[in-house]
Amino acid sequence: MRTTVGIVGAGPAGLLLARLLHNAGVDSVVLESRDRAYVEQRQRAGILEQGTVDVLRAAGAGERMDREGLRHDGIELRFDRRRHRVDFPALTGGRSVTVYAQTEVCKDLIALQLKEGGPLLFEAEALAVEDADTDRPRVRFRHQGVEDVLECDYVVGCDGFWGVARKAVPAETSRTFERSYPFGWLGVLADVPPSHDELVYARHDRGFALLSMRSPSVSRLYLQVPEGTDAESWSDEEIWDELERRFATDDGWRLERGPITQKSVTPMRSYVHEPMRHGRLFLAGDAAHIVPPTGAKGLNLAVGDVVTFARALTHRRETGSSALLDAYSATCLRRVWQAERFSYDMTTLLHPAPDADPFEGRLQLARLERITSSRAAETDLAEGYTGFSFE
């Protein structure tokens, strides 16, 4: 089997890249180790930056997002039983974010790929990326019990942190940067309308809490918990009681309760692999970088990566110049590190560390006071949250 671009992984990054390449007249093959049902049900991020929304629309994948997604023009910060709304459009020249789950993005892109695009092979396990430093890289994979080879001009690894793509980058040319946090997020889905029409980020001495949503009838909520917590060790009643404590305000606001349908614990870590390119192998998304979810950046960073690659390859085909492909890693990493910085700032702003002393707690409150009293500080948060340019 031969193609121009071999894409390993059919998450939102790999699927969107296939769509962008199709629209540019470039053939590709997507290999995904899981079955279609798994990809379409995998619960992940739900906040799309303005730039991501614009890219999906331009790619022809925005119709259902525009119909069912929830545009949000701000977030609410809570601390010391007080509330402060950050108005995104007023601070960023009109930018906003959209709540639309990754599962729905994948469903839309899969439908488009199967209808109009090149081959999308589910249950096709990539075994190795070979000859990445030549002009004929290959992906060895197993599909329907048979081992095969996909020969390519380029390979893009969108196969996540545990995938095979990054392993093809020689250790002697790689540098990794990482930070693990001593807490995680206990996340729940609940069949109850959200108790607020925008996301609420709460800093509390007992730990961080986030009120989010998946739809007008389904709430998504999170609690900061110690690292290694078992989600099932928390009863539903304990979760609601703790959420009430951390979201409490002095103005009579109430948290609505409902049946919890899903519980899970998400670990918190930051990770960057440099470079994001080796020969004709390009890393994208979680294969190259991970951010803690506080800044809602993971999916959006992956979109930025594949937009950068698609533009660079189109430029190569139109001009003969490989300058943008050669600059891929540096171009992506500028945006990656700004997102890492923003996510780290949001995490340390809102999460009390297990060993934090009263001085650190007062610093967090001082940082929040600064954001809520300074337009410049508030604008920096709004610009970071709504997204950094894909240019």
Protein backbone atom coordinates (compact mmCIF):
# COMPACT_ATOMS: atom_id res chain seq x y z
CA MET A 1 0.00 0.00 0.00
CA ARG A 2 1.31 3.46 -0.88
CA THR A 3 0.18 7.03 -0.16
CA THR A 4 1.58 10.53 0.12
CA VAL A 5 0.91 10.98 3.85
CA GLY A 6 0.56 8.11 6.27
CA ILE A 7 -1.37 9.20 9.34
CA VAL A 8 -1.03 7.08 12.48
CA GLY A 9 -4.01 7.58 14.77
CA ALA A 10 -7.64 8.55 14.15
CA GLY A 11 -8.20 10.93 17.01
CA PRO A 12 -9.23 14.49 16.20
CA ALA A 13 -5.70 15.40 15.05
CA GLY A 14 -5.32 12.54 12.57
CA LEU A 15 -8.87 12.84 11.28
CA LEU A 16 -8.67 16.61 10.83
CA LEU A 17 -5.32 16.29 9.06
CA ALA A 18 -6.82 13.78 6.64
CA ARG A 19 -9.64 16.23 5.95
CA LEU A 20 -7.29 19.18 5.41
CA LEU A 21 -5.14 17.12 3.05
CA HIS A 22 -8.18 15.88 1.14
CA ASN A 23 -9.34 19.47 0.63
CA ALA A 24 -5.85 20.35 -0.63
CA GLY A 25 -5.82 17.44 -3.09
CA VAL A 26 -3.27 15.37 -1.15
CA ASP A 27 -3.92 11.65 -0.66
CA SER A 28 -3.51 10.01 2.72
CA VAL A 29 -4.21 6.80 4.61
CA VAL A 30 -5.27 6.82 8.28
CA LEU A 31 -4.39 3.86 10.52
CA GLU A 32 -6.26 3.49 13.82
CA SER A 33 -5.61 0.65 16.25
CA ARG A 34 -9.07 0.82 17.88
CA ASP A 35 -12.47 0.14 16.36
CA ARG A 36 -14.80 2.91 15.20
CA ALA A 37 -17.12 2.62 18.21
CA TYR A 38 -14.23 3.16 20.63
CA VAL A 39 -13.00 6.28 18.81
CA GLU A 40 -16.49 7.76 18.67
CA GLN A 41 -17.13 7.14 22.38
CA ARG A 42 -13.75 8.10 23.86
CA GLN A 43 -14.43 10.90 26.36
CA ARG A 44 -11.89 13.70 26.13
CA ALA A 45 -11.78 17.48 25.90
CA GLY A 46 -14.84 19.57 25.21
CA ILE A 47 -13.62 23.17 24.81
CA LEU A 48 -12.79 24.40 21.31
CA GLU A 49 -10.81 27.61 20.94
CA GLN A 50 -11.89 30.23 18.42
CA GLY A 51 -9.15 29.13 16.01
CA THR A 52 -10.21 25.48 16.20
CA VAL A 53 -13.82 26.42 15.50
CA ASP A 54 -12.71 28.47 12.49
CA VAL A 55 -10.59 25.61 11.12
CA LEU A 56 -13.39 23.05 11.45
CA ARG A 57 -15.80 25.36 9.65
CA ALA A 58 -13.33 26.05 6.85
CA ALA A 59 -12.69 22.31 6.49
CA GLY A 60 -16.39 21.61 5.99
CA ALA A 61 -16.75 19.95 9.39
CA GLY A 62 -18.64 22.66 11.24
CA GLU A 63 -22.30 22.13 10.36
CA ARG A 64 -23.31 20.04 13.39
CA MET A 65 -20.90 21.91 15.66
CA ASP A 66 -22.61 25.18 14.76
CA ARG A 67 -26.02 23.64 15.33
CA GLU A 68 -25.35 21.77 18.59
CA GLY A 69 -22.22 23.35 20.07
CA LEU A 70 -22.54 25.87 22.87
CA ARG A 71 -20.78 29.18 22.28
CA HIS A 72 -19.33 30.61 25.49
CA ASP A 73 -18.33 34.24 25.75
CA GLY A 74 -16.66 33.96 29.14
CA ILE A 75 -15.84 31.96 32.23
CA GLU A 76 -16.46 32.61 35.89
CA LEU A 77 -13.73 32.63 38.53
CA ARG A 78 -14.72 31.86 42.13
CA PHE A 79 -12.64 32.38 45.24
CA ASP A 80 -13.34 33.52 48.80
CA ARG A 81 -17.05 32.84 48.13
CA ARG A 82 -17.01 35.57 45.46
CA ARG A 83 -17.74 35.44 41.72
CA HIS A 84 -16.06 37.24 38.84
CA ARG A 85 -16.93 36.85 35.16
CA VAL A 86 -14.20 37.15 32.49
CA ASP A 87 -15.79 38.58 29.32
CA PHE A 88 -13.86 37.09 26.38
CA PRO A 89 -15.22 39.15 23.44
CA ALA A 90 -14.79 42.44 25.30
CA LEU A 91 -11.16 41.61 26.10
CA THR A 92 -10.05 39.88 22.89
CA GLY A 93 -11.77 41.73 20.06
CA GLY A 94 -14.67 39.33 19.76
CA ARG A 95 -13.11 35.89 20.35
CA SER A 96 -14.99 33.14 22.19
CA VAL A 97 -14.86 29.37 22.79
CA THR A 98 -17.33 26.60 21.97
CA VAL A 99 -18.34 23.63 24.11
CA TYR A 100 -18.47 20.67 21.72
CA ALA A 101 -17.12 17.32 22.88
CA GLN A 102 -14.17 15.62 21.20
CA THR A 103 -16.37 12.58 20.64
CA GLU A 104 -18.65 14.70 18.45
CA VAL A 105 -15.72 16.21 16.54
CA CYS A 106 -14.48 12.68 15.79
CA LYS A 107 -17.94 11.51 14.67
CA ASP A 108 -18.19 14.42 12.24
CA LEU A 109 -14.70 13.91 10.80
CA ILE A 110 -15.09 10.13 10.51
CA ALA A 111 -18.32 10.55 8.58
CA LEU A 112 -16.66 12.98 6.19
CA GLN A 113 -13.60 10.79 5.72
CA LEU A 114 -15.61 7.67 4.97
CA LYS A 115 -17.83 9.58 2.56
CA GLU A 116 -15.27 11.68 0.70
CA GLY A 117 -11.73 10.98 1.85
CA GLY A 118 -9.05 8.36 1.49
CA PRO A 119 -8.75 5.04 3.32
CA LEU A 120 -9.50 5.07 7.06
CA LEU A 121 -8.58 1.68 8.52
CA PHE A 122 -9.92 0.85 11.97
CA GLU A 123 -8.37 -1.97 14.01
CA ALA A 124 -5.14 -1.38 12.09
CA GLU A 125 -2.37 -1.51 14.68
CA ALA A 126 0.77 0.43 13.78
CA LEU A 127 3.76 -1.70 14.77
CA ALA A 128 6.62 0.63 13.84
CA VAL A 129 7.62 3.66 11.80
CA GLU A 130 10.69 2.77 9.76
CA ASP A 131 13.17 4.64 7.56
CA ALA A 132 11.93 8.02 8.80
CA ASP A 133 15.24 9.61 7.85
CA THR A 134 14.87 8.64 4.17
CA ASP A 135 12.56 9.91 1.42
CA ARG A 136 10.52 6.68 1.65
CA PRO A 137 9.36 6.25 5.26
CA ARG A 138 7.20 3.22 6.03
CA VAL A 139 4.64 2.23 8.62
CA ARG A 140 4.45 -1.46 9.46
CA PHE A 141 0.95 -2.33 10.67
CA ARG A 142 -1.35 -5.28 11.31
CA HIS A 143 -4.90 -5.24 9.94
CA GLN A 144 -7.39 -8.11 10.07
CA GLY A 145 -4.67 -10.39 11.37
CA VAL A 146 -2.33 -9.70 8.44
CA GLU A 147 0.88 -7.66 8.67
CA ASP A 148 1.30 -5.06 5.92
CA VAL A 149 3.42 -2.03 5.05
CA LEU A 150 2.25 1.48 4.23
CA GLU A 151 4.85 3.30 2.11
CA CYS A 152 4.66 7.09 2.29
CA ASP A 153 6.34 10.32 1.37
CA TYR A 154 5.61 11.58 4.89
CA VAL A 155 4.38 10.07 8.14
CA VAL A 156 2.47 12.08 10.75
CA GLY A 157 2.26 10.48 14.19
CA CYS A 158 -1.07 11.38 15.81
CA ASP A 159 -1.08 8.23 17.93
CA GLY A 160 -0.78 9.72 21.40
CA PHE A 161 1.76 9.46 24.17
CA TRP A 162 1.90 5.64 24.11
CA GLY A 163 2.01 5.28 20.32
CA VAL A 164 4.84 4.04 18.12
CA ALA A 165 5.58 7.28 16.23
CA ARG A 166 7.63 9.03 18.89
CA LYS A 167 9.65 5.85 19.45
CA ALA A 168 11.02 6.25 15.92
CA VAL A 169 12.80 9.46 16.91
CA PRO A 170 16.36 8.57 17.98
CA ALA A 171 16.96 9.08 21.69
CA GLU A 172 20.22 10.89 21.02
CA THR A 173 18.40 13.65 19.13
CA SER A 174 15.49 13.97 21.60
CA ARG A 175 14.92 16.15 24.62
CA THR A 176 11.94 15.80 26.93
CA PHE A 177 10.56 18.24 29.48
CA GLU A 178 7.95 17.19 32.00
CA ARG A 179 6.22 18.02 35.24
CA SER A 180 3.90 15.75 37.23
CA TYR A 181 1.42 17.22 39.69
CA PRO A 182 0.57 15.62 43.07
CA PHE A 183 -3.16 15.69 42.38
CA GLY A 184 -5.69 14.68 39.75
CA TRP A 185 -9.22 15.49 38.67
CA LEU A 186 -12.17 13.36 39.71
CA GLY A 187 -14.52 13.94 36.78
CA VAL A 188 -18.21 13.05 36.65
CA LEU A 189 -20.94 13.16 34.02
CA ALA A 190 -24.38 13.85 35.48
CA ASP A 191 -27.84 13.86 33.93
CA VAL A 192 -28.74 17.32 35.18
CA PRO A 193 -28.77 20.68 33.40
CA PRO A 194 -25.67 22.77 34.17
CA SER A 195 -26.09 25.01 37.20
CA HIS A 196 -24.49 27.91 35.34
CA ASP A 197 -24.51 28.86 31.67
CA GLU A 198 -20.71 29.22 31.49
CA LEU A 199 -17.78 27.31 32.94
CA VAL A 200 -16.98 28.02 36.58
CA TYR A 201 -13.40 27.70 37.85
CA ALA A 202 -13.35 27.63 41.66
CA ARG A 203 -10.32 27.98 43.91
CA HIS A 204 -10.99 26.68 47.43
CA ASP A 205 -8.76 25.78 50.36
CA ARG A 206 -10.08 22.20 50.09
CA GLY A 207 -9.14 22.02 46.41
CA PHE A 208 -10.09 23.14 42.94
CA ALA A 209 -13.50 22.51 41.34
CA LEU A 210 -14.77 23.00 37.79
CA LEU A 211 -18.35 23.24 36.57
CA SER A 212 -18.63 22.42 32.89
CA MET A 213 -21.14 20.76 30.58
CA ARG A 214 -21.56 18.44 27.63
CA SER A 215 -24.98 19.71 26.58
CA PRO A 216 -27.89 21.76 27.97
CA SER A 217 -29.04 18.63 29.82
CA VAL A 218 -25.73 16.99 30.83
CA SER A 219 -23.27 18.45 33.34
CA ARG A 220 -19.54 17.71 33.47
CA LEU A 221 -17.96 18.47 36.85
CA TYR A 222 -14.51 18.01 38.35
CA LEU A 223 -12.93 17.93 41.79
CA GLN A 224 -9.26 18.15 42.67
CA VAL A 225 -8.31 14.91 44.45
CA PRO A 226 -5.01 13.40 45.63
CA GLU A 227 -2.88 11.68 43.03
CA GLY A 228 -3.81 8.01 42.67
CA THR A 229 -7.39 8.40 43.91
CA ASP A 230 -9.82 5.62 42.97
CA ALA A 231 -12.94 7.22 41.48
CA GLU A 232 -15.16 4.53 43.01
CA SER A 233 -13.96 5.44 46.50
CA TRP A 234 -16.19 8.52 46.28
CA SER A 235 -19.93 8.00 46.65
CA ASP A 236 -22.28 10.14 44.58
CA GLU A 237 -23.47 11.97 47.68
CA GLU A 238 -19.90 12.72 48.78
CA ILE A 239 -19.12 14.15 45.34
CA TRP A 240 -22.14 16.47 45.33
CA ASP A 241 -21.47 17.57 48.92
CA GLU A 242 -17.86 18.43 48.10
CA LEU A 243 -18.82 20.27 44.91
CA GLU A 244 -21.30 22.34 46.90
CA ARG A 245 -18.63 23.28 49.43
CA ARG A 246 -16.10 24.35 46.80
CA PHE A 247 -18.56 26.31 44.64
CA ALA A 248 -20.28 28.04 47.56
CA THR A 249 -20.85 31.80 47.27
CA ASP A 250 -22.44 34.46 49.44
CA ASP A 251 -25.13 35.41 46.93
CA GLY A 252 -27.42 32.40 47.21
CA TRP A 253 -26.21 30.52 44.10
CA ARG A 254 -27.23 26.83 44.13
CA LEU A 255 -25.72 23.71 42.62
CA GLU A 256 -28.33 21.41 41.08
CA ARG A 257 -27.86 17.69 41.71
CA GLY A 258 -28.72 14.75 39.47
CA PRO A 259 -27.85 11.12 38.67
CA ILE A 260 -24.11 10.59 38.11
CA THR A 261 -23.61 8.33 35.09
CA GLN A 262 -19.82 8.20 34.86
CA LYS A 263 -16.80 8.71 37.14
CA SER A 264 -13.11 8.77 36.30
CA VAL A 265 -9.86 10.26 37.57
CA THR A 266 -7.56 12.19 35.22
CA PRO A 267 -3.87 12.52 36.20
CA MET A 268 -2.25 15.93 35.80
CA ARG A 269 1.01 16.31 33.94
CA SER A 270 2.92 18.53 31.54
CA TYR A 271 5.14 17.02 28.85
CA VAL A 272 6.96 18.25 25.74
CA HIS A 273 9.12 16.25 23.32
CA GLU A 274 11.62 18.17 21.21
CA PRO A 275 12.00 18.14 18.29
CA MET A 276 8.58 17.37 16.82
CA ARG A 277 10.12 16.18 13.56
CA HIS A 278 12.66 13.54 12.55
CA GLY A 279 13.35 13.32 8.84
CA ARG A 280 9.97 12.77 7.21
CA LEU A 281 8.24 11.82 10.46
CA PHE A 282 6.22 14.61 12.08
CA LEU A 283 4.72 14.34 15.57
CA ALA A 284 1.38 15.95 16.41
CA GLY A 285 -0.86 16.19 19.45
CA ASP A 286 -0.23 14.01 22.50
CA ALA A 287 2.57 12.20 20.66
CA ALA A 288 4.59 15.38 21.18
CA HIS A 289 3.06 17.24 24.12
CA ILE A 290 0.62 16.95 27.02
CA VAL A 291 -0.88 19.75 29.10
CA PRO A 292 -2.87 19.59 32.32
CA PRO A 293 -6.56 20.06 31.46
CA THR A 294 -6.96 23.28 33.45
CA GLY A 295 -6.29 25.46 30.41
CA ALA A 296 -8.41 23.40 27.95
CA LYS A 297 -5.51 23.28 25.51
CA GLY A 298 -4.85 19.62 24.56
CA LEU A 299 -7.21 19.18 21.62
CA ASN A 300 -6.58 22.72 20.41
CA LEU A 301 -2.81 22.23 20.39
CA ALA A 302 -3.25 19.11 18.27
CA VAL A 303 -5.33 21.11 15.80
CA GLY A 304 -2.58 23.73 15.62
CA ASP A 305 -0.01 21.04 14.83
CA VAL A 306 -1.91 19.49 11.91
CA VAL A 307 -2.88 22.88 10.49
CA THR A 308 0.81 23.78 10.50
CA PHE A 309 1.75 20.53 8.73
CA ALA A 310 -1.00 20.79 6.13
CA ARG A 311 -0.03 24.38 5.29
CA ALA A 312 3.64 23.44 5.07
CA LEU A 313 3.01 20.49 2.75
CA THR A 314 0.70 22.56 0.54
CA HIS A 315 3.39 25.23 0.34
CA ARG A 316 5.92 22.56 -0.67
CA ARG A 317 3.66 21.30 -3.46
CA GLU A 318 2.84 24.78 -4.74
CA THR A 319 6.31 26.36 -4.58
CA GLY A 320 8.81 23.50 -4.38
CA SER A 321 10.18 25.02 -1.17
CA SER A 322 10.54 22.85 1.92
CA ALA A 323 11.15 25.85 4.18
CA LEU A 324 7.84 25.53 6.07
CA LEU A 325 8.25 21.77 6.49
CA ASP A 326 11.76 22.33 7.80
CA ALA A 327 10.38 24.89 10.25
CA TYR A 328 7.52 22.63 11.42
CA SER A 329 8.97 21.75 14.82
CA ALA A 330 10.06 25.27 15.71
CA THR A 331 6.76 26.73 14.51
CA CYS A 332 4.66 24.31 16.56
CA LEU A 333 6.83 24.51 19.65
CA ARG A 334 6.40 28.28 19.94
CA ARG A 335 2.66 27.74 20.33
CA VAL A 336 3.12 24.60 22.45
CA TRP A 337 5.25 26.36 25.02
CA GLN A 338 2.84 29.28 25.29
CA ALA A 339 0.05 26.77 25.92
CA GLU A 340 2.21 24.93 28.46
CA ARG A 341 2.87 28.23 30.20
CA PHE A 342 -0.80 29.16 30.26
CA SER A 343 -1.89 25.72 31.49
CA TYR A 344 0.76 25.74 34.21
CA ASP A 345 -0.30 29.22 35.31
CA MET A 346 -3.98 28.21 35.48
CA THR A 347 -3.11 25.02 37.37
CA THR A 348 -0.94 26.69 39.99
CA LEU A 349 -3.40 29.57 40.30
CA LEU A 350 -6.36 27.38 41.20
CA HIS A 351 -5.06 24.17 42.79
CA PRO A 352 -3.73 24.22 46.38
CA ALA A 353 -0.74 21.88 46.54
CA PRO A 354 -1.01 19.12 49.19
CA ASP A 355 1.97 20.57 51.05
CA ALA A 356 1.10 24.25 50.50
CA ASP A 357 1.59 26.57 53.44
CA PRO A 358 -0.58 29.63 54.24
CA PHE A 359 1.83 31.92 52.38
CA GLU A 360 1.26 30.06 49.11
CA GLY A 361 -2.49 30.15 49.67
CA ARG A 362 -2.43 33.91 50.09
CA LEU A 363 -0.32 34.26 46.94
CA GLN A 364 -2.99 32.39 44.97
CA LEU A 365 -5.64 34.76 46.29
CA ALA A 366 -3.44 37.75 45.44
CA ARG A 367 -3.03 36.49 41.87
CA LEU A 368 -6.80 36.10 41.55
CA GLU A 369 -7.34 39.58 42.98
CA ARG A 370 -4.94 40.93 40.37
CA ILE A 371 -6.84 39.27 37.52
CA THR A 372 -10.19 40.57 38.75
CA SER A 373 -8.97 44.13 39.33
CA SER A 374 -6.63 44.70 36.38
CA ARG A 375 -7.88 44.79 32.79
CA ALA A 376 -4.37 43.97 31.55
CA ALA A 377 -4.14 40.84 33.71
CA GLU A 378 -7.68 39.80 32.81
CA THR A 379 -6.96 40.31 29.11
CA ASP A 380 -3.90 38.06 29.33
CA LEU A 381 -6.07 35.29 30.77
CA ALA A 382 -8.80 35.81 28.14
CA GLU A 383 -6.30 35.81 25.26
CA GLY A 384 -4.69 32.63 26.53
CA TYR A 385 -7.99 30.86 27.10
CA THR A 386 -9.52 31.69 23.71
CA GLY A 387 -6.34 30.53 21.99
CA PHE A 388 -3.00 31.39 20.49
CA SER A 389 -2.70 32.00 16.77
CA PHE A 390 -2.12 29.08 14.39
CA GLU A 391 0.07 31.37 12.26
